[in-house]
Amino acid sequence: MGGPDLTDPSDCMVYLVRGNPCFLIDTGAGPSAAEILSLIEKTGCRGNDLDILFLTHCHVDHIGGAAYFRERYPKLRIMAHEGDAEAIQTGDPIRTAANWYGTKLPPLEIDDLFTGEKRVIEATPSPLILLHTPGHTPGSCVIFTERDGVRVLFGQDIHGPFMPEFGSDLSHWRNSMEKLLGLEADILCEGHYGIIEGREEVRQFIEHHLQLQGF
């Protein structure tokens, strides 16, 4: 629903999982939020049908549009992991990388704080599994689901980058990537590399980035 080649150059990839609930993954950096919503509605999912907005981590290119969606759709439930909650709720300019983008991020209230390592969202036609995958940031998460026998992994920014000011931790990231390899996903929807198809291709992508970090 969004991305640098589709909406604004500063946007991450924005993904929509249609079903019940209707689940939006990240929002882009903010300037193109109205355009992203328009693209969502073209799929047949009206804005009022959106149930959950899941913020995969605290960086502004992923959460900058969240305030726009909240303002337009007050019933929308915003979820994020506790590891990044303080940065999101205070609009920390460094931890959210807002200073990188030369912008300011207003504080954002989180409605549903994801704690621990795993949560299952009961959904139709198939459950959505939230997994805590720290490394890029302390609260980084992925979403995993299976439809018609196809395993789909929404792994935003699993490639990094890794910076002390982000609270990055390479040892935690390595463990997170091993966890993702164990999922044997057929499709990876990544935050900046787009959609990678094929179980072997997904495995190679993750292993390539492990090798780049010396693992």
N, C-alpha and C. Protein backbone atom coordinates (compact mmCIF):
# COMPACT_ATOMS: atom_id res chain seq x y z
N MET A 1 0.81 -1.21 0.00
CA MET A 1 0.00 0.00 0.00
C MET A 1 0.85 1.27 0.00
N GLY A 2 2.14 1.13 0.25
CA GLY A 2 3.03 2.28 0.27
C GLY A 2 4.45 1.82 0.11
N GLY A 3 5.32 2.77 -0.24
CA GLY A 3 6.74 2.48 -0.44
C GLY A 3 7.36 3.55 -1.30
N PRO A 4 8.68 3.60 -1.35
CA PRO A 4 9.36 4.70 -2.07
C PRO A 4 9.04 4.77 -3.55
N ASP A 5 8.71 3.66 -4.16
CA ASP A 5 8.38 3.68 -5.59
C ASP A 5 6.88 3.82 -5.84
N LEU A 6 6.12 3.89 -4.76
CA LEU A 6 4.66 3.93 -4.89
C LEU A 6 4.07 5.21 -4.32
N THR A 7 4.60 5.66 -3.20
CA THR A 7 4.04 6.85 -2.54
C THR A 7 5.13 7.90 -2.35
N ASP A 8 5.77 7.94 -1.19
CA ASP A 8 6.78 8.96 -0.91
C ASP A 8 8.16 8.31 -0.79
N PRO A 9 9.23 8.98 -1.26
CA PRO A 9 10.57 8.38 -1.19
C PRO A 9 11.01 8.01 0.23
N SER A 10 10.45 8.67 1.23
CA SER A 10 10.85 8.39 2.61
C SER A 10 10.06 7.25 3.25
N ASP A 11 9.07 6.71 2.54
CA ASP A 11 8.23 5.67 3.11
C ASP A 11 8.91 4.31 3.11
N CYS A 12 8.66 3.56 4.17
CA CYS A 12 8.93 2.12 4.13
C CYS A 12 7.85 1.46 3.29
N MET A 13 7.97 0.15 3.10
CA MET A 13 6.89 -0.61 2.50
C MET A 13 5.75 -0.73 3.51
N VAL A 14 4.55 -0.46 3.07
CA VAL A 14 3.36 -0.56 3.92
C VAL A 14 2.50 -1.70 3.39
N TYR A 15 2.12 -2.61 4.28
CA TYR A 15 1.39 -3.79 3.85
C TYR A 15 0.02 -3.86 4.54
N LEU A 16 -0.95 -4.39 3.80
CA LEU A 16 -2.30 -4.59 4.30
C LEU A 16 -2.64 -6.06 4.25
N VAL A 17 -3.09 -6.60 5.38
CA VAL A 17 -3.57 -7.98 5.43
C VAL A 17 -5.08 -7.92 5.54
N ARG A 18 -5.75 -8.25 4.45
CA ARG A 18 -7.22 -8.19 4.44
C ARG A 18 -7.80 -9.42 5.09
N GLY A 19 -8.86 -9.21 5.83
CA GLY A 19 -9.54 -10.29 6.53
C GLY A 19 -10.30 -9.71 7.69
N ASN A 20 -10.52 -10.51 8.69
CA ASN A 20 -11.22 -10.07 9.89
C ASN A 20 -10.40 -10.51 11.11
N PRO A 21 -9.65 -9.60 11.74
CA PRO A 21 -9.62 -8.16 11.51
C PRO A 21 -8.81 -7.77 10.28
N CYS A 22 -9.03 -6.54 9.81
CA CYS A 22 -8.25 -5.96 8.73
C CYS A 22 -7.02 -5.30 9.37
N PHE A 23 -5.84 -5.72 8.95
CA PHE A 23 -4.60 -5.49 9.70
C PHE A 23 -3.62 -4.70 8.83
N LEU A 24 -3.29 -3.48 9.26
CA LEU A 24 -2.35 -2.64 8.53
C LEU A 24 -0.98 -2.71 9.20
N ILE A 25 0.05 -2.94 8.39
CA ILE A 25 1.40 -3.07 8.91
C ILE A 25 2.20 -1.83 8.53
N ASP A 26 2.44 -0.96 9.51
CA ASP A 26 3.16 0.30 9.37
C ASP A 26 2.38 1.30 8.50
N THR A 27 2.91 2.55 8.45
CA THR A 27 2.15 3.62 7.80
C THR A 27 2.98 4.49 6.87
N GLY A 28 4.28 4.24 6.75
CA GLY A 28 5.12 5.17 6.03
C GLY A 28 5.47 6.36 6.91
N ALA A 29 6.18 7.33 6.33
CA ALA A 29 6.77 8.43 7.10
C ALA A 29 5.79 9.53 7.46
N GLY A 30 4.65 9.59 6.80
CA GLY A 30 3.64 10.59 7.15
C GLY A 30 3.16 11.46 6.02
N PRO A 31 4.04 12.06 5.21
CA PRO A 31 3.56 12.97 4.15
C PRO A 31 2.59 12.34 3.16
N SER A 32 2.70 11.04 2.94
CA SER A 32 1.84 10.39 1.96
C SER A 32 0.72 9.57 2.60
N ALA A 33 0.41 9.83 3.87
CA ALA A 33 -0.59 9.01 4.57
C ALA A 33 -1.94 9.01 3.85
N ALA A 34 -2.36 10.18 3.35
CA ALA A 34 -3.65 10.24 2.65
C ALA A 34 -3.61 9.41 1.37
N GLU A 35 -2.49 9.42 0.69
CA GLU A 35 -2.35 8.62 -0.52
C GLU A 35 -2.37 7.13 -0.20
N ILE A 36 -1.73 6.74 0.89
CA ILE A 36 -1.74 5.34 1.31
C ILE A 36 -3.16 4.90 1.64
N LEU A 37 -3.89 5.75 2.34
CA LEU A 37 -5.28 5.41 2.65
C LEU A 37 -6.10 5.26 1.38
N SER A 38 -5.88 6.11 0.40
CA SER A 38 -6.60 6.00 -0.87
C SER A 38 -6.31 4.67 -1.54
N LEU A 39 -5.06 4.23 -1.51
CA LEU A 39 -4.69 2.94 -2.10
C LEU A 39 -5.34 1.79 -1.34
N ILE A 40 -5.41 1.92 -0.02
CA ILE A 40 -6.09 0.89 0.78
C ILE A 40 -7.55 0.78 0.37
N GLU A 41 -8.20 1.92 0.21
CA GLU A 41 -9.63 1.90 -0.14
C GLU A 41 -9.87 1.34 -1.53
N LYS A 42 -8.89 1.46 -2.42
CA LYS A 42 -9.04 0.89 -3.76
C LYS A 42 -9.05 -0.63 -3.74
N THR A 43 -8.56 -1.23 -2.65
CA THR A 43 -8.61 -2.69 -2.53
C THR A 43 -9.99 -3.17 -2.11
N GLY A 44 -10.86 -2.23 -1.75
CA GLY A 44 -12.18 -2.60 -1.24
C GLY A 44 -12.26 -2.55 0.27
N CYS A 45 -11.11 -2.32 0.92
CA CYS A 45 -11.08 -2.18 2.37
C CYS A 45 -11.20 -0.70 2.70
N ARG A 46 -12.37 -0.26 3.13
CA ARG A 46 -12.58 1.14 3.47
C ARG A 46 -11.83 1.48 4.75
N GLY A 47 -11.49 2.74 4.89
CA GLY A 47 -10.77 3.15 6.08
C GLY A 47 -11.46 2.73 7.37
N ASN A 48 -12.79 2.81 7.38
CA ASN A 48 -13.54 2.42 8.57
C ASN A 48 -13.47 0.92 8.84
N ASP A 49 -13.01 0.16 7.85
CA ASP A 49 -12.88 -1.28 8.04
C ASP A 49 -11.57 -1.64 8.71
N LEU A 50 -10.63 -0.70 8.78
CA LEU A 50 -9.35 -0.99 9.41
C LEU A 50 -9.55 -1.23 10.90
N ASP A 51 -9.02 -2.33 11.39
CA ASP A 51 -9.19 -2.68 12.80
C ASP A 51 -7.93 -2.46 13.62
N ILE A 52 -6.79 -2.91 13.07
CA ILE A 52 -5.54 -2.88 13.81
C ILE A 52 -4.44 -2.26 12.96
N LEU A 53 -3.69 -1.36 13.55
CA LEU A 53 -2.46 -0.84 12.95
C LEU A 53 -1.31 -1.36 13.80
N PHE A 54 -0.47 -2.19 13.20
CA PHE A 54 0.67 -2.74 13.93
C PHE A 54 1.93 -2.03 13.49
N LEU A 55 2.61 -1.41 14.45
CA LEU A 55 3.86 -0.71 14.19
C LEU A 55 5.01 -1.66 14.49
N THR A 56 5.74 -2.05 13.45
CA THR A 56 6.75 -3.09 13.62
C THR A 56 7.95 -2.64 14.41
N HIS A 57 8.25 -1.35 14.39
CA HIS A 57 9.26 -0.77 15.26
C HIS A 57 9.10 0.74 15.24
N CYS A 58 9.98 1.45 15.93
CA CYS A 58 9.69 2.85 16.26
C CYS A 58 10.17 3.86 15.24
N HIS A 59 10.76 3.48 14.12
CA HIS A 59 11.35 4.46 13.23
C HIS A 59 10.30 5.23 12.42
N VAL A 60 10.61 6.50 12.20
CA VAL A 60 9.62 7.43 11.65
C VAL A 60 9.16 7.03 10.25
N ASP A 61 10.02 6.39 9.46
CA ASP A 61 9.59 5.99 8.12
C ASP A 61 8.56 4.87 8.17
N HIS A 62 8.35 4.30 9.36
CA HIS A 62 7.34 3.26 9.56
C HIS A 62 6.13 3.75 10.33
N ILE A 63 6.31 4.76 11.18
CA ILE A 63 5.22 5.16 12.07
C ILE A 63 4.77 6.60 11.88
N GLY A 64 5.41 7.34 10.98
CA GLY A 64 5.11 8.76 10.85
C GLY A 64 3.68 9.07 10.46
N GLY A 65 3.01 8.14 9.77
CA GLY A 65 1.63 8.36 9.35
C GLY A 65 0.60 7.88 10.35
N ALA A 66 1.05 7.32 11.48
CA ALA A 66 0.10 6.73 12.43
C ALA A 66 -0.86 7.76 13.00
N ALA A 67 -0.37 8.97 13.29
CA ALA A 67 -1.24 10.01 13.85
C ALA A 67 -2.36 10.37 12.88
N TYR A 68 -2.06 10.36 11.57
CA TYR A 68 -3.09 10.65 10.56
C TYR A 68 -4.18 9.60 10.60
N PHE A 69 -3.78 8.33 10.66
CA PHE A 69 -4.78 7.25 10.68
C PHE A 69 -5.60 7.30 11.96
N ARG A 70 -4.94 7.62 13.09
CA ARG A 70 -5.68 7.71 14.35
C ARG A 70 -6.70 8.84 14.30
N GLU A 71 -6.32 9.96 13.75
CA GLU A 71 -7.23 11.11 13.70
C GLU A 71 -8.46 10.82 12.85
N ARG A 72 -8.25 10.12 11.75
CA ARG A 72 -9.37 9.85 10.85
C ARG A 72 -10.23 8.69 11.33
N TYR A 73 -9.62 7.73 12.03
CA TYR A 73 -10.34 6.52 12.42
C TYR A 73 -10.07 6.22 13.89
N PRO A 74 -10.79 6.89 14.79
CA PRO A 74 -10.54 6.75 16.23
C PRO A 74 -10.68 5.33 16.74
N LYS A 75 -11.45 4.49 16.05
CA LYS A 75 -11.63 3.11 16.53
C LYS A 75 -10.44 2.21 16.20
N LEU A 76 -9.53 2.71 15.36
CA LEU A 76 -8.36 1.93 14.98
C LEU A 76 -7.49 1.67 16.20
N ARG A 77 -7.12 0.41 16.42
CA ARG A 77 -6.30 0.03 17.56
C ARG A 77 -4.84 -0.02 17.14
N ILE A 78 -4.00 0.77 17.78
CA ILE A 78 -2.58 0.82 17.44
C ILE A 78 -1.81 -0.09 18.38
N MET A 79 -1.02 -0.99 17.78
CA MET A 79 -0.24 -1.96 18.55
C MET A 79 1.24 -1.75 18.28
N ALA A 80 2.06 -2.02 19.30
CA ALA A 80 3.52 -1.99 19.16
C ALA A 80 4.11 -2.76 20.33
N HIS A 81 5.37 -3.13 20.22
CA HIS A 81 6.03 -3.89 21.28
C HIS A 81 6.55 -2.95 22.37
N GLU A 82 6.55 -3.45 23.59
CA GLU A 82 6.99 -2.65 24.72
C GLU A 82 8.44 -2.18 24.59
N GLY A 83 9.26 -2.91 23.83
CA GLY A 83 10.66 -2.53 23.69
C GLY A 83 10.87 -1.19 23.01
N ASP A 84 9.91 -0.77 22.17
CA ASP A 84 9.99 0.52 21.48
C ASP A 84 8.93 1.50 21.96
N ALA A 85 8.20 1.13 22.99
CA ALA A 85 7.05 1.93 23.41
C ALA A 85 7.44 3.33 23.85
N GLU A 86 8.49 3.46 24.64
CA GLU A 86 8.86 4.78 25.15
C GLU A 86 9.22 5.72 24.01
N ALA A 87 9.99 5.22 23.04
CA ALA A 87 10.38 6.05 21.90
C ALA A 87 9.16 6.54 21.12
N ILE A 88 8.19 5.65 20.93
CA ILE A 88 6.98 6.00 20.18
C ILE A 88 6.12 6.98 20.96
N GLN A 89 5.94 6.72 22.24
CA GLN A 89 5.01 7.50 23.04
C GLN A 89 5.56 8.88 23.43
N THR A 90 6.89 9.05 23.33
CA THR A 90 7.48 10.36 23.60
C THR A 90 7.90 11.08 22.33
N GLY A 91 7.90 10.38 21.19
CA GLY A 91 8.37 10.98 19.95
C GLY A 91 9.86 11.26 19.98
N ASP A 92 10.62 10.41 20.66
CA ASP A 92 12.07 10.59 20.80
C ASP A 92 12.72 10.79 19.43
N PRO A 93 13.34 11.95 19.17
CA PRO A 93 13.85 12.23 17.82
C PRO A 93 15.02 11.36 17.41
N ILE A 94 15.76 10.82 18.38
CA ILE A 94 16.92 9.99 18.04
C ILE A 94 16.52 8.54 17.88
N ARG A 95 15.81 7.99 18.85
CA ARG A 95 15.43 6.57 18.79
C ARG A 95 14.46 6.31 17.64
N THR A 96 13.67 7.31 17.26
CA THR A 96 12.75 7.12 16.14
C THR A 96 13.38 7.49 14.80
N ALA A 97 14.63 7.98 14.83
CA ALA A 97 15.34 8.41 13.62
C ALA A 97 14.69 9.61 12.95
N ALA A 98 13.82 10.32 13.66
CA ALA A 98 13.21 11.52 13.08
C ALA A 98 14.28 12.55 12.72
N ASN A 99 15.36 12.59 13.51
CA ASN A 99 16.45 13.54 13.21
C ASN A 99 17.13 13.19 11.89
N TRP A 100 17.18 11.91 11.54
CA TRP A 100 17.75 11.50 10.25
C TRP A 100 16.95 12.10 9.10
N TYR A 101 15.65 12.15 9.28
CA TYR A 101 14.76 12.59 8.20
C TYR A 101 14.47 14.09 8.27
N GLY A 102 15.07 14.78 9.22
CA GLY A 102 14.86 16.22 9.34
C GLY A 102 13.43 16.58 9.67
N THR A 103 12.79 15.77 10.50
CA THR A 103 11.38 16.01 10.84
C THR A 103 11.16 15.84 12.33
N LYS A 104 9.97 16.18 12.78
CA LYS A 104 9.58 15.97 14.17
C LYS A 104 8.43 14.99 14.20
N LEU A 105 8.45 14.14 15.20
CA LEU A 105 7.42 13.11 15.34
C LEU A 105 6.64 13.38 16.62
N PRO A 106 5.35 13.65 16.52
CA PRO A 106 4.57 13.90 17.74
C PRO A 106 4.44 12.63 18.58
N PRO A 107 4.34 12.78 19.89
CA PRO A 107 4.10 11.60 20.73
C PRO A 107 2.83 10.88 20.28
N LEU A 108 2.86 9.56 20.36
CA LEU A 108 1.75 8.73 19.89
C LEU A 108 1.38 7.72 20.96
N GLU A 109 0.13 7.70 21.32
CA GLU A 109 -0.35 6.73 22.32
C GLU A 109 -0.49 5.36 21.68
N ILE A 110 -0.05 4.35 22.40
CA ILE A 110 -0.20 2.95 21.96
C ILE A 110 -1.40 2.36 22.69
N ASP A 111 -2.34 1.80 21.95
CA ASP A 111 -3.55 1.24 22.55
C ASP A 111 -3.33 -0.16 23.11
N ASP A 112 -2.49 -0.92 22.44
CA ASP A 112 -2.30 -2.33 22.81
C ASP A 112 -0.81 -2.62 22.81
N LEU A 113 -0.25 -2.78 23.99
CA LEU A 113 1.18 -3.00 24.13
C LEU A 113 1.47 -4.49 24.03
N PHE A 114 2.25 -4.87 23.03
CA PHE A 114 2.67 -6.26 22.84
C PHE A 114 3.85 -6.52 23.77
N THR A 115 3.68 -7.46 24.68
CA THR A 115 4.74 -7.82 25.61
C THR A 115 5.16 -9.26 25.37
N GLY A 116 6.38 -9.57 25.76
CA GLY A 116 6.86 -10.93 25.61
C GLY A 116 7.34 -11.23 24.21
N GLU A 117 7.37 -12.52 23.88
CA GLU A 117 8.00 -12.98 22.64
C GLU A 117 7.02 -13.28 21.52
N LYS A 118 5.76 -13.58 21.88
CA LYS A 118 4.84 -14.06 20.84
C LYS A 118 3.40 -13.74 21.24
N ARG A 119 2.61 -13.39 20.23
CA ARG A 119 1.17 -13.26 20.44
C ARG A 119 0.46 -13.73 19.18
N VAL A 120 -0.63 -14.43 19.36
CA VAL A 120 -1.45 -14.90 18.24
C VAL A 120 -2.71 -14.06 18.17
N ILE A 121 -2.93 -13.44 17.01
CA ILE A 121 -4.16 -12.68 16.76
C ILE A 121 -5.11 -13.60 16.00
N GLU A 122 -6.18 -13.98 16.65
CA GLU A 122 -7.15 -14.83 15.97
C GLU A 122 -7.81 -14.03 14.85
N ALA A 123 -7.78 -14.57 13.66
CA ALA A 123 -8.27 -13.84 12.50
C ALA A 123 -8.84 -14.82 11.49
N THR A 124 -9.67 -14.28 10.60
CA THR A 124 -10.21 -15.04 9.48
C THR A 124 -9.65 -14.45 8.19
N PRO A 125 -9.06 -15.25 7.30
CA PRO A 125 -9.15 -16.71 7.23
C PRO A 125 -8.05 -17.46 7.98
N SER A 126 -7.04 -16.80 8.54
CA SER A 126 -5.98 -17.52 9.25
C SER A 126 -5.38 -16.62 10.32
N PRO A 127 -4.90 -17.21 11.41
CA PRO A 127 -4.34 -16.40 12.50
C PRO A 127 -3.10 -15.63 12.05
N LEU A 128 -2.85 -14.52 12.74
CA LEU A 128 -1.64 -13.74 12.54
C LEU A 128 -0.77 -13.92 13.78
N ILE A 129 0.48 -14.27 13.57
CA ILE A 129 1.39 -14.53 14.68
C ILE A 129 2.38 -13.37 14.77
N LEU A 130 2.38 -12.67 15.90
CA LEU A 130 3.33 -11.59 16.15
C LEU A 130 4.53 -12.17 16.89
N LEU A 131 5.72 -11.87 16.40
CA LEU A 131 6.94 -12.38 17.02
C LEU A 131 7.88 -11.21 17.32
N HIS A 132 8.39 -11.18 18.53
CA HIS A 132 9.37 -10.18 18.92
C HIS A 132 10.72 -10.59 18.36
N THR A 133 11.33 -9.72 17.54
CA THR A 133 12.61 -10.03 16.89
C THR A 133 13.58 -8.87 17.10
N PRO A 134 14.05 -8.66 18.33
CA PRO A 134 14.93 -7.52 18.60
C PRO A 134 16.24 -7.62 17.83
N GLY A 135 16.86 -6.47 17.66
CA GLY A 135 18.13 -6.40 16.96
C GLY A 135 18.31 -5.07 16.28
N HIS A 136 17.48 -4.81 15.28
CA HIS A 136 17.48 -3.50 14.63
C HIS A 136 17.11 -2.42 15.65
N THR A 137 16.05 -2.66 16.40
CA THR A 137 15.68 -1.87 17.57
C THR A 137 15.27 -2.85 18.66
N PRO A 138 15.18 -2.38 19.92
CA PRO A 138 14.79 -3.31 20.99
C PRO A 138 13.40 -3.89 20.82
N GLY A 139 12.50 -3.16 20.17
CA GLY A 139 11.12 -3.63 20.05
C GLY A 139 10.73 -4.10 18.66
N SER A 140 11.70 -4.37 17.80
CA SER A 140 11.38 -4.82 16.44
C SER A 140 10.58 -6.12 16.46
N CYS A 141 9.60 -6.21 15.55
CA CYS A 141 8.73 -7.38 15.48
C CYS A 141 8.48 -7.77 14.03
N VAL A 142 8.04 -8.99 13.84
CA VAL A 142 7.58 -9.46 12.54
C VAL A 142 6.19 -10.05 12.71
N ILE A 143 5.52 -10.26 11.58
CA ILE A 143 4.20 -10.89 11.56
C ILE A 143 4.29 -12.08 10.61
N PHE A 144 3.74 -13.19 11.05
CA PHE A 144 3.79 -14.42 10.26
C PHE A 144 2.39 -14.99 10.13
N THR A 145 2.05 -15.46 8.92
CA THR A 145 0.76 -16.09 8.72
C THR A 145 0.88 -17.11 7.60
N GLU A 146 -0.11 -17.97 7.49
CA GLU A 146 -0.13 -18.98 6.44
C GLU A 146 -1.51 -19.00 5.81
N ARG A 147 -1.53 -18.89 4.48
CA ARG A 147 -2.79 -18.93 3.75
C ARG A 147 -2.68 -19.88 2.58
N ASP A 148 -3.61 -20.80 2.50
CA ASP A 148 -3.64 -21.77 1.41
C ASP A 148 -2.29 -22.48 1.29
N GLY A 149 -1.69 -22.79 2.42
CA GLY A 149 -0.44 -23.53 2.42
C GLY A 149 0.80 -22.69 2.14
N VAL A 150 0.64 -21.39 1.96
CA VAL A 150 1.77 -20.49 1.68
C VAL A 150 2.12 -19.73 2.96
N ARG A 151 3.38 -19.82 3.36
CA ARG A 151 3.84 -19.14 4.57
C ARG A 151 4.36 -17.76 4.21
N VAL A 152 3.75 -16.74 4.83
CA VAL A 152 4.08 -15.35 4.51
C VAL A 152 4.66 -14.68 5.76
N LEU A 153 5.80 -14.06 5.59
CA LEU A 153 6.49 -13.37 6.68
C LEU A 153 6.58 -11.89 6.36
N PHE A 154 5.99 -11.06 7.20
CA PHE A 154 6.13 -9.62 7.09
C PHE A 154 7.27 -9.22 8.02
N GLY A 155 8.46 -9.08 7.44
CA GLY A 155 9.67 -8.83 8.21
C GLY A 155 10.26 -7.47 7.89
N GLN A 156 9.70 -6.44 8.50
CA GLN A 156 10.14 -5.08 8.20
C GLN A 156 11.56 -4.84 8.74
N ASP A 157 12.46 -4.40 7.86
CA ASP A 157 13.81 -3.98 8.25
C ASP A 157 14.60 -5.07 8.97
N ILE A 158 14.40 -6.32 8.58
CA ILE A 158 15.20 -7.36 9.21
C ILE A 158 16.65 -7.27 8.74
N HIS A 159 16.91 -6.46 7.72
CA HIS A 159 18.27 -6.27 7.22
C HIS A 159 19.07 -5.27 8.05
N GLY A 160 18.44 -4.52 8.94
CA GLY A 160 19.10 -3.45 9.66
C GLY A 160 18.60 -2.10 9.16
N PRO A 161 19.41 -1.04 9.27
CA PRO A 161 20.78 -0.98 9.75
C PRO A 161 20.87 -1.04 11.28
N PHE A 162 22.10 -1.07 11.77
CA PHE A 162 22.35 -1.24 13.19
C PHE A 162 23.19 -0.07 13.69
N MET A 163 22.60 0.69 14.60
CA MET A 163 23.23 1.90 15.12
C MET A 163 23.07 1.95 16.63
N PRO A 164 24.12 2.39 17.34
CA PRO A 164 23.99 2.50 18.80
C PRO A 164 22.82 3.37 19.23
N GLU A 165 22.57 4.47 18.48
CA GLU A 165 21.48 5.36 18.87
C GLU A 165 20.10 4.73 18.69
N PHE A 166 20.02 3.67 17.91
CA PHE A 166 18.76 2.94 17.75
C PHE A 166 18.54 1.92 18.87
N GLY A 167 19.57 1.67 19.67
CA GLY A 167 19.51 0.58 20.63
C GLY A 167 19.71 -0.77 19.97
N SER A 168 20.39 -0.77 18.82
CA SER A 168 20.61 -2.02 18.08
C SER A 168 21.48 -2.98 18.88
N ASP A 169 21.27 -4.27 18.64
CA ASP A 169 22.04 -5.31 19.31
C ASP A 169 22.23 -6.46 18.34
N LEU A 170 23.44 -6.63 17.85
CA LEU A 170 23.69 -7.64 16.82
C LEU A 170 23.53 -9.07 17.34
N SER A 171 23.86 -9.30 18.60
CA SER A 171 23.69 -10.66 19.13
C SER A 171 22.22 -11.02 19.21
N HIS A 172 21.40 -10.07 19.65
CA HIS A 172 19.95 -10.32 19.66
C HIS A 172 19.43 -10.49 18.23
N TRP A 173 19.94 -9.67 17.31
CA TRP A 173 19.50 -9.76 15.92
C TRP A 173 19.83 -11.13 15.31
N ARG A 174 21.03 -11.63 15.60
CA ARG A 174 21.39 -12.95 15.07
C ARG A 174 20.41 -14.00 15.56
N ASN A 175 20.08 -13.97 16.85
CA ASN A 175 19.11 -14.94 17.37
C ASN A 175 17.75 -14.77 16.71
N SER A 176 17.37 -13.53 16.45
CA SER A 176 16.09 -13.27 15.78
C SER A 176 16.08 -13.84 14.38
N MET A 177 17.19 -13.69 13.65
CA MET A 177 17.26 -14.21 12.28
C MET A 177 17.23 -15.73 12.26
N GLU A 178 17.84 -16.36 13.25
CA GLU A 178 17.77 -17.82 13.33
C GLU A 178 16.32 -18.26 13.55
N LYS A 179 15.60 -17.48 14.34
CA LYS A 179 14.18 -17.76 14.56
C LYS A 179 13.40 -17.67 13.25
N LEU A 180 13.71 -16.63 12.45
CA LEU A 180 13.00 -16.45 11.19
C LEU A 180 13.35 -17.55 10.19
N LEU A 181 14.60 -17.96 10.16
CA LEU A 181 14.97 -19.07 9.26
C LEU A 181 14.17 -20.32 9.59
N GLY A 182 13.89 -20.53 10.87
CA GLY A 182 13.13 -21.70 11.28
C GLY A 182 11.68 -21.68 10.83
N LEU A 183 11.17 -20.52 10.44
CA LEU A 183 9.78 -20.42 9.96
C LEU A 183 9.62 -20.97 8.56
N GLU A 184 10.72 -21.00 7.79
CA GLU A 184 10.71 -21.50 6.41
C GLU A 184 9.62 -20.82 5.59
N ALA A 185 9.66 -19.49 5.59
CA ALA A 185 8.65 -18.71 4.87
C ALA A 185 8.80 -18.86 3.36
N ASP A 186 7.67 -18.87 2.67
CA ASP A 186 7.66 -18.91 1.20
C ASP A 186 7.73 -17.52 0.59
N ILE A 187 7.26 -16.53 1.34
CA ILE A 187 7.27 -15.14 0.88
C ILE A 187 7.72 -14.26 2.03
N LEU A 188 8.65 -13.37 1.75
CA LEU A 188 9.08 -12.36 2.70
C LEU A 188 8.68 -10.99 2.19
N CYS A 189 7.90 -10.28 2.97
CA CYS A 189 7.54 -8.89 2.66
C CYS A 189 8.41 -8.02 3.56
N GLU A 190 9.47 -7.46 2.98
CA GLU A 190 10.48 -6.74 3.75
C GLU A 190 10.20 -5.25 3.73
N GLY A 191 10.83 -4.51 4.63
CA GLY A 191 10.52 -3.12 4.80
C GLY A 191 11.07 -2.19 3.75
N HIS A 192 12.18 -2.58 3.12
CA HIS A 192 12.79 -1.71 2.11
C HIS A 192 13.23 -2.48 0.86
N TYR A 193 13.27 -3.79 0.94
CA TYR A 193 13.66 -4.61 -0.21
C TYR A 193 12.46 -5.15 -0.96
N GLY A 194 11.26 -4.89 -0.47
CA GLY A 194 10.08 -5.34 -1.17
C GLY A 194 9.74 -6.80 -0.91
N ILE A 195 9.08 -7.43 -1.87
CA ILE A 195 8.57 -8.79 -1.71
C ILE A 195 9.53 -9.78 -2.34
N ILE A 196 9.97 -10.72 -1.54
CA ILE A 196 10.91 -11.77 -1.98
C ILE A 196 10.14 -13.08 -1.96
N GLU A 197 10.07 -13.74 -3.10
CA GLU A 197 9.26 -14.95 -3.23
C GLU A 197 10.14 -16.18 -3.42
N GLY A 198 9.70 -17.28 -2.82
CA GLY A 198 10.41 -18.54 -2.91
C GLY A 198 11.11 -18.86 -1.60
N ARG A 199 10.89 -20.05 -1.07
CA ARG A 199 11.47 -20.40 0.23
C ARG A 199 12.99 -20.31 0.21
N GLU A 200 13.60 -20.76 -0.85
CA GLU A 200 15.05 -20.70 -0.95
C GLU A 200 15.53 -19.27 -1.06
N GLU A 201 14.81 -18.44 -1.81
CA GLU A 201 15.18 -17.03 -1.96
C GLU A 201 15.09 -16.29 -0.63
N VAL A 202 14.05 -16.60 0.15
CA VAL A 202 13.91 -15.97 1.46
C VAL A 202 15.07 -16.38 2.37
N ARG A 203 15.38 -17.66 2.37
CA ARG A 203 16.49 -18.14 3.19
C ARG A 203 17.79 -17.47 2.80
N GLN A 204 18.04 -17.37 1.49
CA GLN A 204 19.27 -16.74 1.02
C GLN A 204 19.35 -15.27 1.40
N PHE A 205 18.22 -14.57 1.37
CA PHE A 205 18.20 -13.16 1.74
C PHE A 205 18.64 -13.00 3.20
N ILE A 206 18.05 -13.79 4.08
CA ILE A 206 18.38 -13.68 5.51
C ILE A 206 19.83 -14.08 5.74
N GLU A 207 20.27 -15.18 5.14
CA GLU A 207 21.64 -15.64 5.34
C GLU A 207 22.65 -14.64 4.77
N HIS A 208 22.29 -13.99 3.67
CA HIS A 208 23.18 -12.98 3.09
C HIS A 208 23.41 -11.84 4.07
N HIS A 209 22.36 -11.40 4.73
CA HIS A 209 22.52 -10.30 5.66
C HIS A 209 23.21 -10.74 6.94
N LEU A 210 23.05 -11.98 7.32
CA LEU A 210 23.85 -12.51 8.42
C LEU A 210 25.34 -12.49 8.07
N GLN A 211 25.66 -12.90 6.87
CA GLN A 211 27.05 -12.90 6.42
C GLN A 211 27.63 -11.49 6.37
N LEU A 212 26.82 -10.51 5.96
CA LEU A 212 27.30 -9.13 5.91
C LEU A 212 27.71 -8.62 7.29
N GLN A 213 27.09 -9.19 8.34
CA GLN A 213 27.44 -8.79 9.69
C GLN A 213 28.44 -9.72 10.35
N GLY A 214 29.02 -10.61 9.54
CA GLY A 214 30.09 -11.48 10.03
C GLY A 214 29.63 -12.74 10.72
N PHE A 215 28.38 -13.14 10.49
CA PHE A 215 27.87 -14.38 11.10
C PHE A 215 27.83 -15.52 10.10
